[in-house]
C-alpha atoms as a PDB file:
ATOM      1  CA  MET A   1     -62.029  38.129  48.315  1.00  0.00           C
ATOM      2  CA  ALA A   2     -59.666  37.034  45.260  1.00  0.00           C
ATOM      3  CA  SER A   3     -57.140  34.803  45.574  1.00  0.00           C
ATOM      4  CA  VAL A   4     -53.179  34.977  44.780  1.00  0.00           C
ATOM      5  CA  GLU A   5     -53.717  33.011  41.836  1.00  0.00           C
ATOM      6  CA  ASP A   6     -56.871  34.993  40.416  1.00  0.00           C
ATOM      7  CA  ILE A   7     -54.708  38.213  40.883  1.00  0.00           C
ATOM      8  CA  ARG A   8     -51.747  36.953  39.363  1.00  0.00           C
ATOM      9  CA  ASN A   9     -53.659  35.489  36.554  1.00  0.00           C
ATOM     10  CA  LEU A  10     -55.137  39.081  35.812  1.00  0.00           C
ATOM     11  CA  VAL A  11     -51.836  40.383  35.992  1.00  0.00           C
ATOM     12  CA  SER A  12     -50.240  38.164  33.710  1.00  0.00           C
ATOM     13  CA  GLU A  13     -52.680  39.230  31.236  1.00  0.00           C
ATOM     14  CA  VAL A  14     -52.057  42.950  30.940  1.00  0.00           C
ATOM     15  CA  ILE A  15     -50.377  43.780  27.780  1.00  0.00           C
ATOM     16  CA  ASP A  16     -47.166  45.792  28.221  1.00  0.00           C
ATOM     17  CA  PRO A  17     -47.488  48.668  26.398  1.00  0.00           C
ATOM     18  CA  GLU A  18     -43.735  49.153  25.457  1.00  0.00           C
ATOM     19  CA  LEU A  19     -43.150  45.729  24.286  1.00  0.00           C
ATOM     20  CA  GLY A  20     -46.554  44.358  22.759  1.00  0.00           C
ATOM     21  CA  LYS A  21     -46.441  41.380  24.809  1.00  0.00           C
ATOM     22  CA  SER A  22     -48.484  40.057  27.821  1.00  0.00           C
ATOM     23  CA  LEU A  23     -46.619  40.540  31.012  1.00  0.00           C
ATOM     24  CA  SER A  24     -46.763  36.544  31.528  1.00  0.00           C
ATOM     25  CA  ALA A  25     -44.713  35.973  28.186  1.00  0.00           C
ATOM     26  CA  LEU A  26     -42.275  38.715  29.398  1.00  0.00           C
ATOM     27  CA  ARG A  27     -41.908  36.870  32.700  1.00  0.00           C
ATOM     28  CA  MET A  28     -42.331  40.682  34.427  1.00  0.00           C
ATOM     29  CA  VAL A  29     -44.645  39.393  37.253  1.00  0.00           C
ATOM     30  CA  ARG A  30     -41.977  38.837  40.296  1.00  0.00           C
ATOM     31  CA  ASP A  31     -44.420  38.476  43.016  1.00  0.00           C
ATOM     32  CA  VAL A  32     -48.039  38.484  44.117  1.00  0.00           C
ATOM     33  CA  GLN A  33     -49.421  38.935  47.875  1.00  0.00           C
ATOM     34  CA  VAL A  34     -52.654  39.112  49.037  1.00  0.00           C
ATOM     35  CA  SER A  35     -53.978  39.442  52.581  1.00  0.00           C
ATOM     36  CA  ALA A  36     -57.447  40.813  54.100  1.00  0.00           C
ATOM     37  CA  ASP A  37     -56.632  44.374  53.958  1.00  0.00           C
ATOM     38  CA  ALA A  38     -54.193  44.575  51.101  1.00  0.00           C
ATOM     39  CA  VAL A  39     -53.167  43.389  47.483  1.00  0.00           C
ATOM     40  CA  THR A  40     -49.236  43.777  46.713  1.00  0.00           C
ATOM     41  CA  VAL A  41     -48.173  43.232  42.994  1.00  0.00           C
ATOM     42  CA  ALA A  42     -44.568  43.719  42.072  1.00  0.00           C
ATOM     43  CA  ILE A  43     -43.439  44.273  38.446  1.00  0.00           C
ATOM     44  CA  GLU A  44     -39.740  43.462  37.244  1.00  0.00           C
ATOM     45  CA  LEU A  45     -39.126  45.702  34.134  1.00  0.00           C
ATOM     46  CA  PRO A  46     -36.355  44.328  31.747  1.00  0.00           C
ATOM     47  CA  THR A  47     -34.277  47.548  32.455  1.00  0.00           C
ATOM     48  CA  PRO A  48     -34.223  50.976  34.405  1.00  0.00           C
ATOM     49  CA  ALA A  49     -34.352  52.940  31.062  1.00  0.00           C
ATOM     50  CA  TYR A  50     -37.919  51.330  30.214  1.00  0.00           C
ATOM     51  CA  PRO A  51     -40.125  54.551  29.469  1.00  0.00           C
ATOM     52  CA  GLY A  52     -43.406  53.931  30.301  1.00  0.00           C
ATOM     53  CA  SER A  53     -43.491  52.737  33.922  1.00  0.00           C
ATOM     54  CA  ASP A  54     -46.395  54.855  35.110  1.00  0.00           C
ATOM     55  CA  ARG A  55     -48.475  53.836  31.926  1.00  0.00           C
ATOM     56  CA  LEU A  56     -47.772  50.205  32.948  1.00  0.00           C
ATOM     57  CA  LYS A  57     -48.517  50.758  36.547  1.00  0.00           C
ATOM     58  CA  THR A  58     -52.028  52.518  35.710  1.00  0.00           C
ATOM     59  CA  LEU A  59     -52.848  49.136  33.609  1.00  0.00           C
ATOM     60  CA  VAL A  60     -52.033  47.029  36.374  1.00  0.00           C
ATOM     61  CA  THR A  61     -54.077  48.673  38.552  1.00  0.00           C
ATOM     62  CA  GLU A  62     -57.257  49.116  35.934  1.00  0.00           C
ATOM     63  CA  LYS A  63     -56.949  45.426  35.596  1.00  0.00           C
ATOM     64  CA  ILE A  64     -57.065  44.470  39.219  1.00  0.00           C
ATOM     65  CA  THR A  65     -59.544  47.067  40.681  1.00  0.00           C
ATOM     66  CA  SER A  66     -62.687  45.575  39.976  1.00  0.00           C
ATOM     67  CA  SER A  67     -61.701  42.300  41.864  1.00  0.00           C
ATOM     68  CA  LEU A  68     -60.716  44.122  45.325  1.00  0.00           C
ATOM     69  CA  ALA A  69     -62.565  43.459  48.122  1.00  0.00           C
ATOM     70  CA  ASP A  70     -64.438  46.014  50.063  1.00  0.00           C
ATOM     71  CA  GLY A  71     -61.315  48.098  52.191  1.00  0.00           C
ATOM     72  CA  GLN A  72     -58.491  46.146  50.378  1.00  0.00           C
ATOM     73  CA  SER A  73     -56.060  48.725  49.086  1.00  0.00           C
ATOM     74  CA  LEU A  74     -53.526  47.978  46.398  1.00  0.00           C
ATOM     75  CA  SER A  75     -50.250  48.483  45.820  1.00  0.00           C
ATOM     76  CA  VAL A  76     -48.012  48.115  42.412  1.00  0.00           C
ATOM     77  CA  ASP A  77     -44.296  48.090  43.325  1.00  0.00           C
ATOM     78  CA  ILE A  78     -41.823  48.222  40.263  1.00  0.00           C
ATOM     79  CA  THR A  79     -38.465  47.415  39.770  1.00  0.00           C
ATOM     80  CA  SER A  80     -36.019  46.204  37.348  1.00  0.00           C
ATOM     81  CA  THR A  81     -33.154  43.972  36.515  1.00  0.00           C
ATOM     82  CA  VAL A  82     -31.330  44.016  33.288  1.00  0.00           C
ATOM     83  CA  ARG A  83     -31.936  41.243  30.923  1.00  0.00           C
ATOM     84  CA  GLY A  84     -29.712  39.848  28.504  1.00  0.00           C
ATOM     85  CA  LYS A  85     -27.516  37.094  26.597  1.00  0.00           C
ATOM     86  CA  ASP A  86     -24.734  37.252  28.725  1.00  0.00           C
ATOM     87  CA  ALA A  87     -22.605  36.217  25.667  1.00  0.00           C
ATOM     88  CA  GLY A  88     -19.340  37.780  26.938  1.00  0.00           C
ATOM     89  CA  GLY A  89     -18.995  34.676  29.476  1.00  0.00           C
ATOM     90  CA  ARG A  90     -17.481  32.744  26.399  1.00  0.00           C
ATOM     91  CA  ILE A  91     -14.211  34.952  27.569  1.00  0.00           C
ATOM     92  CA  GLY A  92     -14.774  35.592  31.228  1.00  0.00           C
ATOM     93  CA  LEU A  93     -16.827  38.589  31.219  1.00  0.00           C
ATOM     94  CA  LYS A  94     -20.299  39.257  33.494  1.00  0.00           C
ATOM     95  CA  ILE A  95     -21.398  41.602  31.146  1.00  0.00           C
ATOM     96  CA  HIS A  96     -24.974  41.022  29.873  1.00  0.00           C
ATOM     97  CA  ASN A  97     -25.075  43.404  27.227  1.00  0.00           C
ATOM     98  CA  ILE A  98     -22.553  44.202  24.827  1.00  0.00           C
ATOM     99  CA  ILE A  99     -23.608  47.353  22.221  1.00  0.00           C
ATOM    100  CA  ALA A 100     -21.552  47.791  19.482  1.00  0.00           C
ATOM    101  CA  VAL A 101     -21.687  51.530  18.026  1.00  0.00           C
ATOM    102  CA  GLY A 102     -20.297  51.942  14.380  1.00  0.00           C
ATOM    103  CA  SER A 103     -20.804  53.893  11.241  1.00  0.00           C
ATOM    104  CA  GLY A 104     -20.085  53.878   7.630  1.00  0.00           C
ATOM    105  CA  LYS A 105     -18.050  56.786   7.271  1.00  0.00           C
ATOM    106  CA  GLY A 106     -16.253  59.203   9.855  1.00  0.00           C
ATOM    107  CA  GLY A 107     -17.583  62.754  10.777  1.00  0.00           C
ATOM    108  CA  VAL A 108     -20.999  61.830  11.527  1.00  0.00           C
ATOM    109  CA  GLY A 109     -20.745  61.876  15.441  1.00  0.00           C
ATOM    110  CA  LYS A 110     -20.427  58.157  16.259  1.00  0.00           C
ATOM    111  CA  SER A 111     -18.169  58.860  19.301  1.00  0.00           C
ATOM    112  CA  THR A 112     -20.646  61.260  20.734  1.00  0.00           C
ATOM    113  CA  VAL A 113     -23.399  58.801  20.557  1.00  0.00           C
ATOM    114  CA  ALA A 114     -21.730  55.980  21.965  1.00  0.00           C
ATOM    115  CA  ALA A 115     -20.121  58.537  25.071  1.00  0.00           C
ATOM    116  CA  ALA A 116     -24.458  59.919  25.381  1.00  0.00           C
ATOM    117  CA  LEU A 117     -25.302  56.118  25.159  1.00  0.00           C
ATOM    118  CA  ALA A 118     -23.306  55.351  28.210  1.00  0.00           C
ATOM    119  CA  CYS A 119     -23.953  58.171  30.226  1.00  0.00           C
ATOM    120  CA  GLY A 120     -27.827  58.037  29.477  1.00  0.00           C
ATOM    121  CA  LEU A 121     -27.758  54.499  30.904  1.00  0.00           C
ATOM    122  CA  HIS A 122     -25.720  55.311  33.835  1.00  0.00           C
ATOM    123  CA  SER A 123     -27.924  58.196  34.418  1.00  0.00           C
ATOM    124  CA  PHE A 124     -31.152  55.493  34.778  1.00  0.00           C
ATOM    125  CA  GLY A 125     -28.885  53.373  37.429  1.00  0.00           C
ATOM    126  CA  CYS A 126     -27.416  50.920  35.144  1.00  0.00           C
ATOM    127  CA  ARG A 127     -23.929  49.720  35.845  1.00  0.00           C
ATOM    128  CA  VAL A 128     -22.124  50.683  32.205  1.00  0.00           C
ATOM    129  CA  GLY A 129     -18.678  50.310  30.724  1.00  0.00           C
ATOM    130  CA  LEU A 130     -17.796  52.271  27.868  1.00  0.00           C
ATOM    131  CA  MET A 131     -14.625  51.010  25.718  1.00  0.00           C
ATOM    132  CA  ASP A 132     -13.066  53.278  22.864  1.00  0.00           C
ATOM    133  CA  ALA A 133     -12.169  50.521  20.268  1.00  0.00           C
ATOM    134  CA  ASP A 134     -11.608  53.725  17.977  1.00  0.00           C
ATOM    135  CA  VAL A 135      -7.395  52.593  18.466  1.00  0.00           C
ATOM    136  CA  TYR A 136      -6.128  55.334  15.785  1.00  0.00           C
ATOM    137  CA  GLY A 137      -8.290  57.799  16.813  1.00  0.00           C
ATOM    138  CA  PRO A 138      -9.583  57.736  20.673  1.00  0.00           C
ATOM    139  CA  SER A 139     -11.718  60.573  21.529  1.00  0.00           C
ATOM    140  CA  ILE A 140     -13.784  59.275  24.562  1.00  0.00           C
ATOM    141  CA  PRO A 141     -11.118  60.051  27.356  1.00  0.00           C
ATOM    142  CA  HIS A 142     -11.324  63.918  26.384  1.00  0.00           C
ATOM    143  CA  MET A 143     -14.803  63.786  25.684  1.00  0.00           C
ATOM    144  CA  MET A 144     -15.328  62.111  29.276  1.00  0.00           C
ATOM    145  CA  GLY A 145     -12.911  64.195  31.178  1.00  0.00           C
ATOM    146  CA  ALA A 146     -10.730  61.323  31.913  1.00  0.00           C
ATOM    147  CA  SER A 147      -7.233  60.921  31.951  1.00  0.00           C
ATOM    148  CA  GLY A 148      -4.462  58.959  33.870  1.00  0.00           C
ATOM    149  CA  GLN A 149      -2.865  55.518  32.751  1.00  0.00           C
ATOM    150  CA  PRO A 150      -5.019  52.451  34.069  1.00  0.00           C
ATOM    151  CA  GLY A 151      -3.647  50.147  37.000  1.00  0.00           C
ATOM    152  CA  ALA A 152      -3.401  46.591  37.373  1.00  0.00           C
ATOM    153  CA  ALA A 153      -4.489  44.138  40.052  1.00  0.00           C
ATOM    154  CA  GLU A 154      -4.422  40.931  41.089  1.00  0.00           C
ATOM    155  CA  HIS A 155      -7.373  38.550  40.622  1.00  0.00           C
ATOM    156  CA  GLN A 156      -8.175  34.764  41.258  1.00  0.00           C
ATOM    157  CA  GLY A 157      -8.889  32.993  38.396  1.00  0.00           C
ATOM    158  CA  GLY A 158     -11.403  30.345  38.166  1.00  0.00           C
ATOM    159  CA  ASP A 159      -8.754  27.559  38.180  1.00  0.00           C
ATOM    160  CA  GLY A 160      -7.310  28.943  41.266  1.00  0.00           C
ATOM    161  CA  GLN A 161      -4.559  30.593  39.329  1.00  0.00           C
ATOM    162  CA  LYS A 162      -4.058  34.832  39.924  1.00  0.00           C
ATOM    163  CA  LEU A 163      -4.436  36.574  36.895  1.00  0.00           C
ATOM    164  CA  LEU A 164      -3.124  40.382  36.437  1.00  0.00           C
ATOM    165  CA  ARG A 165      -5.969  42.237  34.991  1.00  0.00           C
ATOM    166  CA  MET A 166      -6.144  45.930  33.721  1.00  0.00           C
ATOM    167  CA  GLU A 167      -8.400  48.691  35.993  1.00  0.00           C
ATOM    168  CA  PRO A 168     -10.507  51.111  34.212  1.00  0.00           C
ATOM    169  CA  ILE A 169     -10.655  54.447  34.596  1.00  0.00           C
ATOM    170  CA  ASP A 170     -13.587  55.250  36.376  1.00  0.00           C
ATOM    171  CA  VAL A 171     -15.895  58.581  35.867  1.00  0.00           C
ATOM    172  CA  ASP A 172     -18.543  58.977  38.252  1.00  0.00           C
ATOM    173  CA  GLY A 173     -18.847  55.324  38.661  1.00  0.00           C
ATOM    174  CA  LEU A 174     -18.893  54.538  34.591  1.00  0.00           C
ATOM    175  CA  LYS A 175     -16.031  52.497  33.747  1.00  0.00           C
ATOM    176  CA  LEU A 176     -13.648  53.758  30.840  1.00  0.00           C
ATOM    177  CA  MET A 177     -10.752  51.935  28.511  1.00  0.00           C
ATOM    178  CA  SER A 178      -9.325  53.659  25.602  1.00  0.00           C
ATOM    179  CA  MET A 179      -6.254  53.153  23.882  1.00  0.00           C
ATOM    180  CA  GLY A 180      -6.109  57.269  24.567  1.00  0.00           C
ATOM    181  CA  PHE A 181      -5.034  56.370  28.318  1.00  0.00           C
ATOM    182  CA  PHE A 182      -1.287  54.924  26.938  1.00  0.00           C
ATOM    183  CA  ILE A 183      -0.382  57.059  24.292  1.00  0.00           C
ATOM    184  CA  GLU A 184       0.983  60.829  24.906  1.00  0.00           C
ATOM    185  CA  GLU A 185      -1.555  63.699  23.484  1.00  0.00           C
ATOM    186  CA  GLY A 186      -0.941  63.815  19.745  1.00  0.00           C
ATOM    187  CA  GLN A 187       1.092  60.426  19.196  1.00  0.00           C
ATOM    188  CA  SER A 188      -0.460  58.537  16.334  1.00  0.00           C
ATOM    189  CA  VAL A 189      -0.765  54.980  16.367  1.00  0.00           C
ATOM    190  CA  VAL A 190       0.908  53.105  13.325  1.00  0.00           C
ATOM    191  CA  TRP A 191      -0.464  49.439  13.751  1.00  0.00           C
ATOM    192  CA  ARG A 192      -1.182  46.847  11.235  1.00  0.00           C
ATOM    193  CA  GLY A 193      -4.138  44.483  11.760  1.00  0.00           C
ATOM    194  CA  PRO A 194      -2.605  41.701  14.241  1.00  0.00           C
ATOM    195  CA  MET A 195      -1.489  44.352  16.721  1.00  0.00           C
ATOM    196  CA  LEU A 196      -5.094  45.968  16.732  1.00  0.00           C
ATOM    197  CA  HIS A 197      -7.025  42.454  17.524  1.00  0.00           C
ATOM    198  CA  LYS A 198      -4.370  42.067  20.259  1.00  0.00           C
ATOM    199  CA  ALA A 199      -4.825  45.356  21.880  1.00  0.00           C
ATOM    200  CA  LEU A 200      -8.949  44.768  21.629  1.00  0.00           C
ATOM    201  CA  THR A 201      -8.615  41.359  22.865  1.00  0.00           C
ATOM    202  CA  GLN A 202      -6.792  42.716  25.829  1.00  0.00           C
ATOM    203  CA  PHE A 203      -9.070  45.657  25.914  1.00  0.00           C
ATOM    204  CA  LEU A 204     -12.047  43.058  26.625  1.00  0.00           C
ATOM    205  CA  LYS A 205     -10.499  40.265  28.579  1.00  0.00           C
ATOM    206  CA  ASP A 206      -8.060  41.443  30.601  1.00  0.00           C
ATOM    207  CA  SER A 207     -10.059  44.364  31.968  1.00  0.00           C
ATOM    208  CA  ASP A 208     -11.483  44.256  35.146  1.00  0.00           C
ATOM    209  CA  TRP A 209     -15.111  45.163  33.920  1.00  0.00           C
ATOM    210  CA  GLY A 210     -16.874  43.540  36.985  1.00  0.00           C
ATOM    211  CA  GLU A 211     -20.485  42.595  36.598  1.00  0.00           C
ATOM    212  CA  LEU A 212     -21.868  45.481  33.855  1.00  0.00           C
ATOM    213  CA  ASP A 213     -25.557  45.564  32.601  1.00  0.00           C
ATOM    214  CA  TYR A 214     -24.003  47.170  29.439  1.00  0.00           C
ATOM    215  CA  LEU A 215     -20.620  47.748  27.714  1.00  0.00           C
ATOM    216  CA  ILE A 216     -20.851  50.061  25.125  1.00  0.00           C
ATOM    217  CA  ILE A 217     -18.318  50.027  22.386  1.00  0.00           C
ATOM    218  CA  ASP A 218     -17.073  52.742  20.259  1.00  0.00           C
ATOM    219  CA  LEU A 219     -15.883  51.235  17.055  1.00  0.00           C
ATOM    220  CA  PRO A 220     -13.863  52.915  14.302  1.00  0.00           C
ATOM    221  CA  PRO A 221     -15.600  54.476  10.930  1.00  0.00           C
ATOM    222  CA  GLY A 222     -15.731  51.853   8.529  1.00  0.00           C
ATOM    223  CA  THR A 223     -16.486  48.038   8.403  1.00  0.00           C
ATOM    224  CA  GLY A 224     -12.608  46.679   8.868  1.00  0.00           C
ATOM    225  CA  ASP A 225     -10.996  44.611  11.480  1.00  0.00           C
ATOM    226  CA  VAL A 226     -12.427  45.868  14.555  1.00  0.00           C
ATOM    227  CA  SER A 227     -15.943  44.869  13.667  1.00  0.00           C
ATOM    228  CA  LEU A 228     -14.710  41.475  12.515  1.00  0.00           C
ATOM    229  CA  THR A 229     -12.842  40.725  16.001  1.00  0.00           C
ATOM    230  CA  LEU A 230     -15.932  41.770  18.376  1.00  0.00           C
ATOM    231  CA  SER A 231     -18.146  39.483  15.987  1.00  0.00           C
ATOM    232  CA  GLN A 232     -15.016  36.564  16.863  1.00  0.00           C
ATOM    233  CA  GLN A 233     -14.476  37.448  20.711  1.00  0.00           C
ATOM    234  CA  VAL A 234     -18.260  38.263  21.919  1.00  0.00           C
ATOM    235  CA  GLY A 235     -21.923  37.928  21.145  1.00  0.00           C
ATOM    236  CA  LEU A 236     -23.156  41.259  20.708  1.00  0.00           C
ATOM    237  CA  ALA A 237     -26.185  42.336  21.811  1.00  0.00           C
ATOM    238  CA  GLY A 238     -26.881  44.196  18.392  1.00  0.00           C
ATOM    239  CA  ALA A 239     -25.090  46.949  16.502  1.00  0.00           C
ATOM    240  CA  VAL A 240     -26.290  50.786  16.722  1.00  0.00           C
ATOM    241  CA  ILE A 241     -25.381  52.532  13.162  1.00  0.00           C
ATOM    242  CA  VAL A 242     -24.964  56.224  13.197  1.00  0.00           C
ATOM    243  CA  CYS A 243     -25.303  58.290  10.476  1.00  0.00           C
ATOM    244  CA  THR A 244     -25.982  62.172   9.249  1.00  0.00           C
ATOM    245  CA  PRO A 245     -29.246  62.962   7.142  1.00  0.00           C
ATOM    246  CA  GLN A 246     -27.843  63.397   4.122  1.00  0.00           C
ATOM    247  CA  GLN A 247     -27.617  60.995   1.332  1.00  0.00           C
ATOM    248  CA  VAL A 248     -23.543  60.433   0.913  1.00  0.00           C
ATOM    249  CA  ALA A 249     -23.614  59.479   4.523  1.00  0.00           C
ATOM    250  CA  LEU A 250     -26.809  57.084   4.618  1.00  0.00           C
ATOM    251  CA  LEU A 251     -25.045  55.495   1.545  1.00  0.00           C
ATOM    252  CA  ASP A 252     -21.946  54.400   3.917  1.00  0.00           C
ATOM    253  CA  ALA A 253     -24.479  53.500   6.578  1.00  0.00           C
ATOM    254  CA  ILE A 254     -26.100  50.755   4.477  1.00  0.00           C
ATOM    255  CA  LYS A 255     -22.692  49.267   3.870  1.00  0.00           C
ATOM    256  CA  ALA A 256     -22.208  49.069   7.457  1.00  0.00           C
ATOM    257  CA  VAL A 257     -25.946  47.247   7.836  1.00  0.00           C
ATOM    258  CA  ASP A 258     -24.598  45.027   5.085  1.00  0.00           C
ATOM    259  CA  MET A 259     -21.376  44.333   7.092  1.00  0.00           C
ATOM    260  CA  TYR A 260     -23.375  43.266  10.472  1.00  0.00           C
ATOM    261  CA  GLN A 261     -25.705  41.099   8.731  1.00  0.00           C
ATOM    262  CA  LYS A 262     -23.288  38.951   6.943  1.00  0.00           C
ATOM    263  CA  VAL A 263     -21.623  38.358  10.468  1.00  0.00           C
ATOM    264  CA  ASN A 264     -25.170  37.837  11.980  1.00  0.00           C
ATOM    265  CA  VAL A 265     -24.879  40.408  14.614  1.00  0.00           C
ATOM    266  CA  PRO A 266     -28.364  41.998  15.183  1.00  0.00           C
ATOM    267  CA  VAL A 267     -28.818  45.769  14.242  1.00  0.00           C
ATOM    268  CA  LEU A 268     -30.552  47.582  16.536  1.00  0.00           C
ATOM    269  CA  GLY A 269     -31.286  50.179  14.298  1.00  0.00           C
ATOM    270  CA  PHE A 270     -30.221  53.762  13.010  1.00  0.00           C
ATOM    271  CA  VAL A 271     -29.568  57.008  15.195  1.00  0.00           C
ATOM    272  CA  GLU A 272     -29.813  60.103  13.248  1.00  0.00           C
ATOM    273  CA  ASN A 273     -26.896  62.641  14.313  1.00  0.00           C
ATOM    274  CA  MET A 274     -26.703  66.401  13.523  1.00  0.00           C
ATOM    275  CA  THR A 275     -30.259  66.823  12.501  1.00  0.00           C
ATOM    276  CA  GLY A 276     -31.523  69.964  11.678  1.00  0.00           C
ATOM    277  CA  ASP A 277     -31.056  72.688   8.882  1.00  0.00           C
ATOM    278  CA  ILE A 278     -27.584  72.558   7.986  1.00  0.00           C
ATOM    279  CA  PHE A 279     -28.006  68.378   7.223  1.00  0.00           C
ATOM    280  CA  GLY A 280     -31.694  68.186   6.380  1.00  0.00           C
ATOM    281  CA  ARG A 281     -33.990  65.696   8.304  1.00  0.00           C
ATOM    282  CA  GLY A 282     -35.534  62.190   8.331  1.00  0.00           C
ATOM    283  CA  GLY A 283     -33.117  60.561   6.269  1.00  0.00           C
ATOM    284  CA  ALA A 284     -31.779  57.955   8.465  1.00  0.00           C
ATOM    285  CA  ARG A 285     -35.710  57.595   9.412  1.00  0.00           C
ATOM    286  CA  LYS A 286     -36.394  56.786   5.581  1.00  0.00           C
ATOM    287  CA  VAL A 287     -33.507  54.244   4.823  1.00  0.00           C
ATOM    288  CA  ALA A 288     -34.706  52.768   8.434  1.00  0.00           C
ATOM    289  CA  GLU A 289     -38.322  52.106   7.095  1.00  0.00           C
ATOM    290  CA  GLN A 290     -36.562  50.666   3.747  1.00  0.00           C
ATOM    291  CA  LEU A 291     -34.333  48.047   5.461  1.00  0.00           C
ATOM    292  CA  ASP A 292     -37.157  47.395   7.679  1.00  0.00           C
ATOM    293  CA  LEU A 293     -35.052  48.409  10.934  1.00  0.00           C
ATOM    294  CA  PRO A 294     -36.020  50.098  13.842  1.00  0.00           C
ATOM    295  CA  PHE A 295     -35.040  54.061  13.801  1.00  0.00           C
ATOM    296  CA  LEU A 296     -33.779  54.637  17.060  1.00  0.00           C
ATOM    297  CA  GLY A 297     -34.170  58.645  17.461  1.00  0.00           C
ATOM    298  CA  GLU A 298     -32.636  61.878  16.384  1.00  0.00           C
ATOM    299  CA  VAL A 299     -30.073  63.959  18.218  1.00  0.00           C
ATOM    300  CA  PRO A 300     -30.390  67.459  16.892  1.00  0.00           C
ATOM    301  CA  ILE A 301     -27.592  69.776  15.659  1.00  0.00           C
ATOM    302  CA  ASP A 302     -27.069  71.631  18.921  1.00  0.00           C
ATOM    303  CA  ALA A 303     -24.145  73.756  20.396  1.00  0.00           C
ATOM    304  CA  SER A 304     -24.592  72.413  23.738  1.00  0.00           C
ATOM    305  CA  ILE A 305     -23.133  68.822  22.675  1.00  0.00           C
ATOM    306  CA  ARG A 306     -20.127  69.929  21.213  1.00  0.00           C
ATOM    307  CA  GLU A 307     -19.481  72.414  23.980  1.00  0.00           C
ATOM    308  CA  TYR A 308     -20.406  69.576  26.416  1.00  0.00           C
ATOM    309  CA  GLY A 309     -17.977  67.597  24.720  1.00  0.00           C
ATOM    310  CA  ASP A 310     -15.351  69.994  23.966  1.00  0.00           C
ATOM    311  CA  ALA A 311     -15.148  70.426  28.332  1.00  0.00           C
ATOM    312  CA  GLY A 312     -14.907  66.637  28.652  1.00  0.00           C
ATOM    313  CA  LYS A 313     -18.553  66.873  30.386  1.00  0.00           C
ATOM    314  CA  MET A 314     -20.785  64.314  28.563  1.00  0.00           C
ATOM    315  CA  MET A 315     -21.895  62.963  31.678  1.00  0.00           C
ATOM    316  CA  ALA A 316     -23.358  66.584  32.882  1.00  0.00           C
ATOM    317  CA  LEU A 317     -24.702  66.561  29.351  1.00  0.00           C
ATOM    318  CA  LEU A 318     -27.656  63.916  30.528  1.00  0.00           C
ATOM    319  CA  THR A 319     -28.173  64.960  33.893  1.00  0.00           C
ATOM    320  CA  GLU A 320     -28.022  68.913  33.320  1.00  0.00           C
ATOM    321  CA  GLU A 321     -31.156  71.057  31.852  1.00  0.00           C
ATOM    322  CA  ASN A 322     -29.830  71.539  28.178  1.00  0.00           C
ATOM    323  CA  PRO A 323     -31.791  71.423  24.490  1.00  0.00           C
ATOM    324  CA  ALA A 324     -30.069  68.394  23.386  1.00  0.00           C
ATOM    325  CA  ARG A 325     -30.994  66.051  26.942  1.00  0.00           C
ATOM    326  CA  ASP A 326     -34.468  64.703  26.300  1.00  0.00           C
ATOM    327  CA  SER A 327     -33.777  63.654  22.615  1.00  0.00           C
ATOM    328  CA  LEU A 328     -30.219  62.169  23.479  1.00  0.00           C
ATOM    329  CA  LEU A 329     -31.775  60.028  26.627  1.00  0.00           C
ATOM    330  CA  ALA A 330     -34.940  59.314  24.237  1.00  0.00           C
ATOM    331  CA  VAL A 331     -32.425  57.440  21.880  1.00  0.00           C
ATOM    332  CA  CYS A 332     -30.631  55.736  25.039  1.00  0.00           C
ATOM    333  CA  GLN A 333     -34.476  54.590  25.833  1.00  0.00           C
ATOM    334  CA  ASN A 334     -35.041  53.112  22.712  1.00  0.00           C
ATOM    335  CA  ILE A 335     -31.822  51.307  22.440  1.00  0.00           C
ATOM    336  CA  ALA A 336     -32.455  49.820  25.784  1.00  0.00           C
ATOM    337  CA  MET A 337     -36.153  48.697  24.680  1.00  0.00           C
ATOM    338  CA  GLN A 338     -35.016  47.410  21.281  1.00  0.00           C
ATOM    339  CA  ILE A 339     -32.746  45.049  23.343  1.00  0.00           C
ATOM    340  CA  ALA A 340     -35.309  44.136  25.567  1.00  0.00           C
ATOM    341  CA  ARG A 341     -37.328  43.431  22.433  1.00  0.00           C
ATOM    342  CA  ASN A 342     -34.908  41.305  20.780  1.00  0.00           C
ATOM    343  CA  LEU A 343     -34.677  39.244  23.911  1.00  0.00           C
ATOM    344  CA  THR A 344     -38.301  38.382  23.937  1.00  0.00           C
ATOM    345  CA  ASP A 345     -38.564  37.888  20.061  1.00  0.00           C
ATOM    346  CA  ALA A 346     -35.364  35.638  20.113  1.00  0.00           C
ATOM    347  CA  PRO A 347     -34.005  35.017  22.914  1.00  0.00           C
ATOM    348  CA  ALA A 348     -31.212  32.001  21.886  1.00  0.00           C
ATOM    349  CA  ALA A 349     -27.908  33.932  21.037  1.00  0.00           C
ATOM    350  CA  PRO A 350     -26.973  33.866  17.223  1.00  0.00           C
ATOM    351  CA  THR A 351     -24.319  32.206  15.944  1.00  0.00           C
ATOM    352  CA  LEU A 352     -21.799  34.648  14.468  1.00  0.00           C
ATOM    353  CA  GLU A 353     -19.717  33.544  11.482  1.00  0.00           C
ATOM    354  CA  ILE A 354     -16.907  35.015   9.514  1.00  0.00           C
ATOM    355  CA  LEU A 355     -17.767  34.776   5.935  1.00  0.00           C
END
């Protein structure tokens, strides 16, 4: 009969089909138990959004089966724990991964992708927050069907002092923070850079986000103050660049990539939005290949996305049957896996500099 060590060694040799490394190198073998009549292997995935758990289970089973004794059963149990750089700890955040969703220009559906990403990861069982950093044009509250003003509650600080923190708006367990909760509908925000910096700092540091697996930050268009502020405040797990397929949008997206690279923020890759007959297809994939960056998927130009967003039902867009659901969920999985891939390739947090 094979020993615990024998089984563990066999399982450790299995190559993960998504990350391309051994389960040993990925630290995914959580436990092995062997008795006279049963072998139990526990595998821990790096995110609940892992897309190939059944395939991985099959590979582990095939690796072990020939080593089982007569009458011994095999059970492969799969769980998940989101891993991250926990870089928000520098300002007191218990957030494993902070993801910026940006674009080089407006009108490409960046907020739609940010909201869909948050809802998609939440639907996989992750603890998720969504912060609307587009102070001048906050659209997240409307898309999420959220209203009201965040309350405030006292919390005990690490030094024993009482701190007053804002309570994010809760939508089915997903936490939201946006300037849209603090202004009247139709009211403009006329601020210079320092006020913008202060507001974003408060949204990050003075909100009671709790412990999150992912905090999605919807950035304003362009490469200005907000992106620089975030680079200074927290260590981002990476930035997602949203663009449409046509050339004029891609040129601005390339500028956004350049900006993130200058401040040492990992670019997770490109999402091509509004793919279809009107704008064409494949432009973002081609640019991603040219820049040697991941292509994270395409979102079709589909009326259901607009309808759900206009109705404030973005959560339902990812949980109900509709033509766009599978494409959006695939983008969510690709982003989560790219973060996991970056952690295995370069586990040390990047040094962020403003040049």
